[in-house]
Amino acid sequence: MQTVNLKLNPNALTEEQVTEETLKQVDKKQQTCSKEGVTDYPILDFDNRSLNLLYTGVRETLKYSKTKVRGGKAYETGKRAFDIFASSLALLILLIPLGVIAGIIYIDDKGNPFFSQVRLTKNGKPFRMYKLRSMCMDAEAKFAEVQKQNKSDGLAFKSDDDPRITRIGKFIRKTSIDELPQLWNVLKGDMSIIGPRPPLPREVVLYTPVQMERLLVKGGLSCICQTEGRSDMEFDKWVESDIKYIKNRCSALDLKLMFKTVGAVLMRKGAK
C-alpha cells in the first residue's frame, strides 16, 4: 500500500481514537451539515497511521457502492495520455508566469510561495496536492481558530472573510491562479484534468457512504461543480454533480467540462 510520507505528529489521533471520535461525531455533523457548514471538525491532524486507517476505510466502504463507474480501459488510457500531454504543455507555457507570481508571493511576506496539503484521491488514497500559497505561512495551524466561520452548507470549509488569506492571495484565489501548480499533480498521475475535486482527510472522515462515492475515481482540477458555481453550489448538489459525472464520464464530457471551466474561471464564477 502506498502512503504519503508525512512527519508523524505526536498529538495526532491513534487508530482507536480516530474510530471512537469519528463514530461519536459523525451523526451529529451529518444532522447539521445539510443546513449549515461544519464548524467543529473532530480530527485536524492526521499522521501516517490515521491516513492509512482512513484509506482502508474508504476502500472497504466503496466496495459496497452501487454506483456504476463509466469508462473502460480504453477511456482510462486515453484520459491518462491526454492528461500527460495537456499538463506538460501547460506547465511549459506557464513556467515563467508561475515564477513571476511565486516571486510576488515571496516578496509579499517572505515565505515559501508554494504550499502542499494532503488530499485524498481514488479509493481514498492520500497524496500531496500543490498550490501557490494564498494564505499566511501558519494557515494550517490557525485553522482551528477560524473553522467556526464556515459559510459552506456542508463539510467543505468556505469563508467570505478568512483572515489567513494574504493580499496577493485574494487575487490568485479569485482568478484560480493558485490552483495551477496542480498541473504537476496531473503530470505525476495523482490527479486528472477532469474529475471530482480531491477532498481533505478531515472532510472525508465525516462523509456518509454516498458522499464517499466522490472517491470512486481519480480526483481532478475541475468537474461539473467548478463549471456551475464552485463555492456557490450547495454541498449536497456538489456531491450529486460529482456522482453524475462518475456515472456519465466520457471523452466528450471531459472536453465539454474543460471548455466550461475556462469560461467559469474567466468570469470568476463562484470564486472565493
Protein backbone atom coordinates (compact mmCIF):
# COMPACT_ATOMS: atom_id res chain seq x y z
CA MET A 1 0.00 0.00 0.00
CA GLN A 2 1.37 3.40 -0.94
CA THR A 3 1.31 6.09 1.72
CA VAL A 4 2.17 9.74 1.89
CA ASN A 5 5.48 10.33 3.58
CA LEU A 6 4.46 12.66 6.39
CA LYS A 7 6.17 13.73 9.59
CA LEU A 8 4.47 11.98 12.46
CA ASN A 9 2.55 14.30 14.75
CA PRO A 10 2.77 13.19 18.39
CA ASN A 11 -0.60 14.85 19.04
CA ALA A 12 -2.36 13.14 16.13
CA LEU A 13 -5.09 10.65 16.92
CA THR A 14 -4.32 6.96 17.15
CA GLU A 15 -6.27 4.31 15.25
CA GLU A 16 -8.55 3.68 18.22
CA GLN A 17 -9.11 7.40 18.80
CA VAL A 18 -9.92 8.02 15.14
CA THR A 19 -12.56 5.31 15.21
CA GLU A 20 -14.02 6.42 18.55
CA GLU A 21 -14.03 10.12 17.70
CA THR A 22 -15.48 9.57 14.25
CA LEU A 23 -18.33 7.39 15.48
CA LYS A 24 -19.09 9.92 18.21
CA GLN A 25 -19.08 12.96 15.93
CA VAL A 26 -20.32 11.77 12.55
CA ASP A 27 -24.02 11.50 13.44
CA LYS A 28 -24.02 14.95 14.99
CA LYS A 29 -22.29 16.51 12.00
CA GLN A 30 -24.46 14.81 9.40
CA GLN A 31 -27.60 16.06 11.13
CA THR A 32 -26.50 19.68 10.75
CA CYS A 33 -24.23 19.86 7.71
CA SER A 34 -27.10 19.87 5.20
CA LYS A 35 -28.29 23.19 6.64
CA GLU A 36 -25.09 24.78 7.85
CA GLY A 37 -21.41 24.12 7.49
CA VAL A 38 -19.36 22.07 9.91
CA THR A 39 -17.80 24.42 12.45
CA ASP A 40 -16.02 21.90 14.65
CA TYR A 41 -14.04 19.29 12.71
CA PRO A 42 -13.30 16.34 15.06
CA ILE A 43 -9.91 15.44 13.58
CA LEU A 44 -7.50 18.12 12.39
CA ASP A 45 -4.16 16.28 12.43
CA PHE A 46 -3.56 13.01 10.63
CA ASP A 47 -0.35 11.02 10.94
CA ASN A 48 0.55 8.13 8.63
CA ARG A 49 -1.32 5.61 10.74
CA SER A 50 -4.51 7.68 10.75
CA LEU A 51 -4.28 8.29 7.00
CA ASN A 52 -3.79 4.59 6.30
CA LEU A 53 -6.76 3.77 8.50
CA LEU A 54 -8.91 6.26 6.59
CA TYR A 55 -7.60 4.93 3.25
CA THR A 56 -8.56 1.39 4.23
CA GLY A 57 -11.96 2.51 5.48
CA VAL A 58 -12.78 4.34 2.27
CA ARG A 59 -11.77 1.37 0.10
CA GLU A 60 -13.86 -1.01 2.17
CA THR A 61 -16.87 1.31 2.08
CA LEU A 62 -16.64 1.80 -1.68
CA LYS A 63 -16.70 -1.98 -2.25
CA TYR A 64 -20.40 -1.81 -1.39
CA SER A 65 -21.19 1.13 -3.66
CA LYS A 66 -23.94 0.52 -6.19
CA THR A 67 -22.83 3.41 -8.40
CA LYS A 68 -21.54 2.15 -11.73
CA VAL A 69 -18.39 3.95 -12.85
CA ARG A 70 -18.50 4.65 -16.58
CA GLY A 71 -15.39 4.40 -18.73
CA GLY A 72 -13.45 1.29 -19.67
CA LYS A 73 -9.76 0.62 -20.13
CA ALA A 74 -9.60 2.43 -23.48
CA TYR A 75 -11.13 5.53 -21.94
CA GLU A 76 -8.78 5.43 -18.95
CA THR A 77 -5.74 5.03 -21.23
CA GLY A 78 -6.81 7.89 -23.46
CA LYS A 79 -7.62 10.08 -20.46
CA ARG A 80 -4.20 9.49 -18.93
CA ALA A 81 -2.43 10.18 -22.25
CA PHE A 82 -4.34 13.45 -22.62
CA ASP A 83 -3.56 14.40 -19.00
CA ILE A 84 0.17 13.94 -19.61
CA PHE A 85 0.10 15.91 -22.86
CA ALA A 86 -2.08 18.76 -21.57
CA SER A 87 -0.31 19.18 -18.22
CA SER A 88 3.16 19.07 -19.82
CA LEU A 89 2.23 21.69 -22.41
CA ALA A 90 0.51 23.91 -19.84
CA LEU A 91 3.45 23.74 -17.41
CA LEU A 92 5.86 24.64 -20.21
CA ILE A 93 3.76 27.66 -21.25
CA LEU A 94 3.10 28.79 -17.69
CA LEU A 95 6.60 28.26 -16.30
CA ILE A 96 7.66 31.92 -16.46
CA PRO A 97 4.31 33.40 -15.32
CA LEU A 98 4.24 30.97 -12.39
CA GLY A 99 7.77 32.01 -11.48
CA VAL A 100 6.81 35.68 -11.52
CA ILE A 101 3.75 35.11 -9.32
CA ALA A 102 5.77 32.94 -6.94
CA GLY A 103 8.27 35.80 -6.66
CA ILE A 104 5.49 38.28 -5.82
CA ILE A 105 4.14 35.93 -3.13
CA TYR A 106 7.61 35.64 -1.61
CA ILE A 107 8.16 39.40 -1.63
CA ASP A 108 4.75 39.92 -0.02
CA ASP A 109 5.57 38.02 3.20
CA LYS A 110 8.97 36.39 2.69
CA GLY A 111 7.58 32.85 2.90
CA ASN A 112 7.67 29.81 0.63
CA PRO A 113 5.38 30.70 -2.32
CA PHE A 114 4.30 27.09 -2.74
CA PHE A 115 2.02 25.16 -0.42
CA SER A 116 1.27 21.45 -0.25
CA GLN A 117 -1.59 19.76 1.53
CA VAL A 118 -2.64 16.13 1.96
CA ARG A 119 -5.76 15.31 -0.04
CA LEU A 120 -7.49 12.07 -0.97
CA THR A 121 -7.99 10.73 -4.48
CA LYS A 122 -9.37 7.47 -5.93
CA ASN A 123 -10.38 4.95 -3.22
CA GLY A 124 -9.18 7.37 -0.54
CA LYS A 125 -5.50 7.22 -1.49
CA PRO A 126 -3.63 10.13 0.14
CA PHE A 127 -1.30 12.37 -1.84
CA ARG A 128 0.19 15.85 -1.55
CA MET A 129 -1.64 18.44 -3.64
CA TYR A 130 0.28 21.58 -4.60
CA LYS A 131 -0.87 25.20 -4.75
CA LEU A 132 0.55 28.68 -4.91
CA ARG A 133 0.27 29.86 -1.32
CA SER A 134 -2.65 32.26 -0.83
CA MET A 135 -2.60 32.22 2.97
CA CYS A 136 -0.17 33.05 5.75
CA MET A 137 2.61 30.58 6.46
CA ASP A 138 0.93 29.08 9.53
CA ALA A 139 -2.55 28.84 7.98
CA GLU A 140 -2.99 25.14 8.80
CA ALA A 141 -2.08 25.71 12.44
CA LYS A 142 -4.61 28.53 12.63
CA PHE A 143 -7.46 26.52 11.08
CA ALA A 144 -8.81 25.53 14.48
CA GLU A 145 -9.29 29.25 15.21
CA VAL A 146 -11.29 30.02 12.04
CA GLN A 147 -13.28 26.83 11.42
CA LYS A 148 -16.32 28.29 13.17
CA GLN A 149 -16.51 30.88 10.36
CA ASN A 150 -17.51 28.18 7.87
CA LYS A 151 -20.02 29.58 5.36
CA SER A 152 -20.42 26.34 3.43
CA ASP A 153 -23.63 24.36 3.91
CA GLY A 154 -21.72 21.11 4.12
CA LEU A 155 -18.38 19.53 5.05
CA ALA A 156 -16.13 21.66 2.85
CA PHE A 157 -14.78 24.81 4.54
CA LYS A 158 -15.61 28.18 2.95
CA SER A 159 -15.28 31.64 4.46
CA ASP A 160 -16.00 35.01 2.83
CA ASP A 161 -13.51 36.78 5.07
CA ASP A 162 -10.81 34.30 6.08
CA PRO A 163 -8.18 36.33 7.97
CA ARG A 164 -5.47 33.88 6.92
CA ILE A 165 -5.63 34.98 3.27
CA THR A 166 -2.83 37.34 2.19
CA ARG A 167 -3.19 40.40 -0.03
CA ILE A 168 -1.90 38.66 -3.17
CA GLY A 169 -3.75 35.56 -2.02
CA LYS A 170 -7.15 37.18 -2.57
CA PHE A 171 -6.26 37.86 -6.19
CA ILE A 172 -4.84 34.45 -7.06
CA ARG A 173 -7.82 32.72 -5.44
CA LYS A 174 -10.34 34.87 -7.32
CA THR A 175 -8.60 34.09 -10.60
CA SER A 176 -7.86 30.44 -9.69
CA ILE A 177 -4.17 31.05 -10.36
CA ASP A 178 -3.39 29.38 -7.03
CA GLU A 179 -4.54 26.05 -8.46
CA LEU A 180 -2.10 26.00 -11.40
CA PRO A 181 0.68 24.02 -9.61
CA GLN A 182 -1.77 21.11 -9.54
CA LEU A 183 -0.83 20.58 -13.17
CA TRP A 184 2.25 18.93 -11.64
CA ASN A 185 -0.06 16.58 -9.73
CA VAL A 186 -1.78 15.77 -13.02
CA LEU A 187 1.54 15.05 -14.73
CA LYS A 188 2.58 12.79 -11.82
CA GLY A 189 -0.69 10.88 -12.01
CA ASP A 190 -2.10 11.96 -8.64
CA MET A 191 -4.91 13.83 -10.37
CA SER A 192 -6.62 14.21 -13.72
CA ILE A 193 -7.59 17.34 -15.64
CA ILE A 194 -11.27 16.50 -15.14
CA GLY A 195 -12.57 14.72 -12.04
CA PRO A 196 -14.11 15.43 -8.62
CA ARG A 197 -12.06 17.87 -6.56
CA PRO A 198 -9.85 15.96 -4.06
CA PRO A 199 -11.18 16.43 -0.51
CA LEU A 200 -9.28 16.85 2.75
CA PRO A 201 -9.00 13.93 5.23
CA ARG A 202 -10.84 15.96 7.88
CA GLU A 203 -13.80 16.21 5.50
CA VAL A 204 -13.78 12.58 4.33
CA VAL A 205 -13.78 11.24 7.89
CA LEU A 206 -17.27 12.78 8.19
CA TYR A 207 -18.58 11.57 4.83
CA THR A 208 -21.64 9.36 4.52
CA PRO A 209 -21.23 6.29 2.24
CA VAL A 210 -22.99 8.22 -0.56
CA GLN A 211 -20.72 11.25 -0.21
CA MET A 212 -17.73 8.90 -0.20
CA GLU A 213 -18.65 7.82 -3.75
CA ARG A 214 -16.93 11.01 -4.92
CA LEU A 215 -13.76 8.96 -4.40
CA LEU A 216 -14.68 6.21 -6.85
CA VAL A 217 -12.49 7.87 -9.49
CA LYS A 218 -9.30 9.89 -9.55
CA GLY A 219 -9.66 13.49 -8.39
CA GLY A 220 -9.28 16.32 -10.85
CA LEU A 221 -8.63 20.02 -11.41
CA SER A 222 -12.25 20.62 -12.30
CA CYS A 223 -15.60 18.87 -12.58
CA ILE A 224 -19.26 19.81 -13.00
CA CYS A 225 -19.39 21.80 -9.76
CA GLN A 226 -16.47 24.02 -10.78
CA THR A 227 -18.25 24.95 -14.03
CA GLU A 228 -21.57 25.75 -12.38
CA GLY A 229 -20.75 27.99 -9.49
CA ARG A 230 -17.98 26.39 -7.43
CA SER A 231 -18.36 27.99 -3.98
CA ASP A 232 -21.94 28.99 -4.74
CA MET A 233 -23.14 25.38 -5.10
CA GLU A 234 -24.69 23.66 -2.09
CA PHE A 235 -22.62 20.78 -0.76
CA ASP A 236 -25.28 18.13 -1.43
CA LYS A 237 -25.63 19.42 -5.01
CA TRP A 238 -21.85 19.33 -5.30
CA VAL A 239 -21.83 15.65 -4.32
CA GLU A 240 -24.71 14.90 -6.70
CA SER A 241 -22.87 16.59 -9.57
CA ASP A 242 -19.70 14.55 -8.92
CA ILE A 243 -21.64 11.28 -8.85
CA LYS A 244 -23.44 12.36 -12.04
CA TYR A 245 -20.03 12.83 -13.67
CA ILE A 246 -18.84 9.43 -12.46
CA LYS A 247 -21.89 7.75 -13.96
CA ASN A 248 -21.62 9.56 -17.30
CA ARG A 249 -17.95 10.33 -17.84
CA CYS A 250 -16.58 10.01 -21.35
CA SER A 251 -14.11 11.87 -23.55
CA ALA A 252 -16.80 14.17 -24.96
CA LEU A 253 -17.97 15.15 -21.47
CA ASP A 254 -14.39 15.75 -20.33
CA LEU A 255 -13.74 18.11 -23.25
CA LYS A 256 -17.03 19.92 -22.63
CA LEU A 257 -16.17 20.44 -18.96
CA MET A 258 -12.68 21.67 -19.87
CA PHE A 259 -14.10 24.44 -22.06
CA LYS A 260 -16.77 25.31 -19.48
CA THR A 261 -14.07 25.51 -16.79
CA VAL A 262 -12.14 28.08 -18.82
CA GLY A 263 -15.32 30.17 -19.12
CA ALA A 264 -16.08 29.87 -15.40
CA VAL A 265 -12.54 30.93 -14.48
CA LEU A 266 -12.55 33.92 -16.85
CA MET A 267 -15.90 35.07 -15.46
CA ARG A 268 -14.75 34.28 -11.89
CA LYS A 269 -18.00 32.42 -11.39
CA GLY A 270 -18.34 31.33 -7.76
CA ALA A 271 -14.70 32.14 -6.99
CA LYS A 272 -13.90 32.93 -3.35
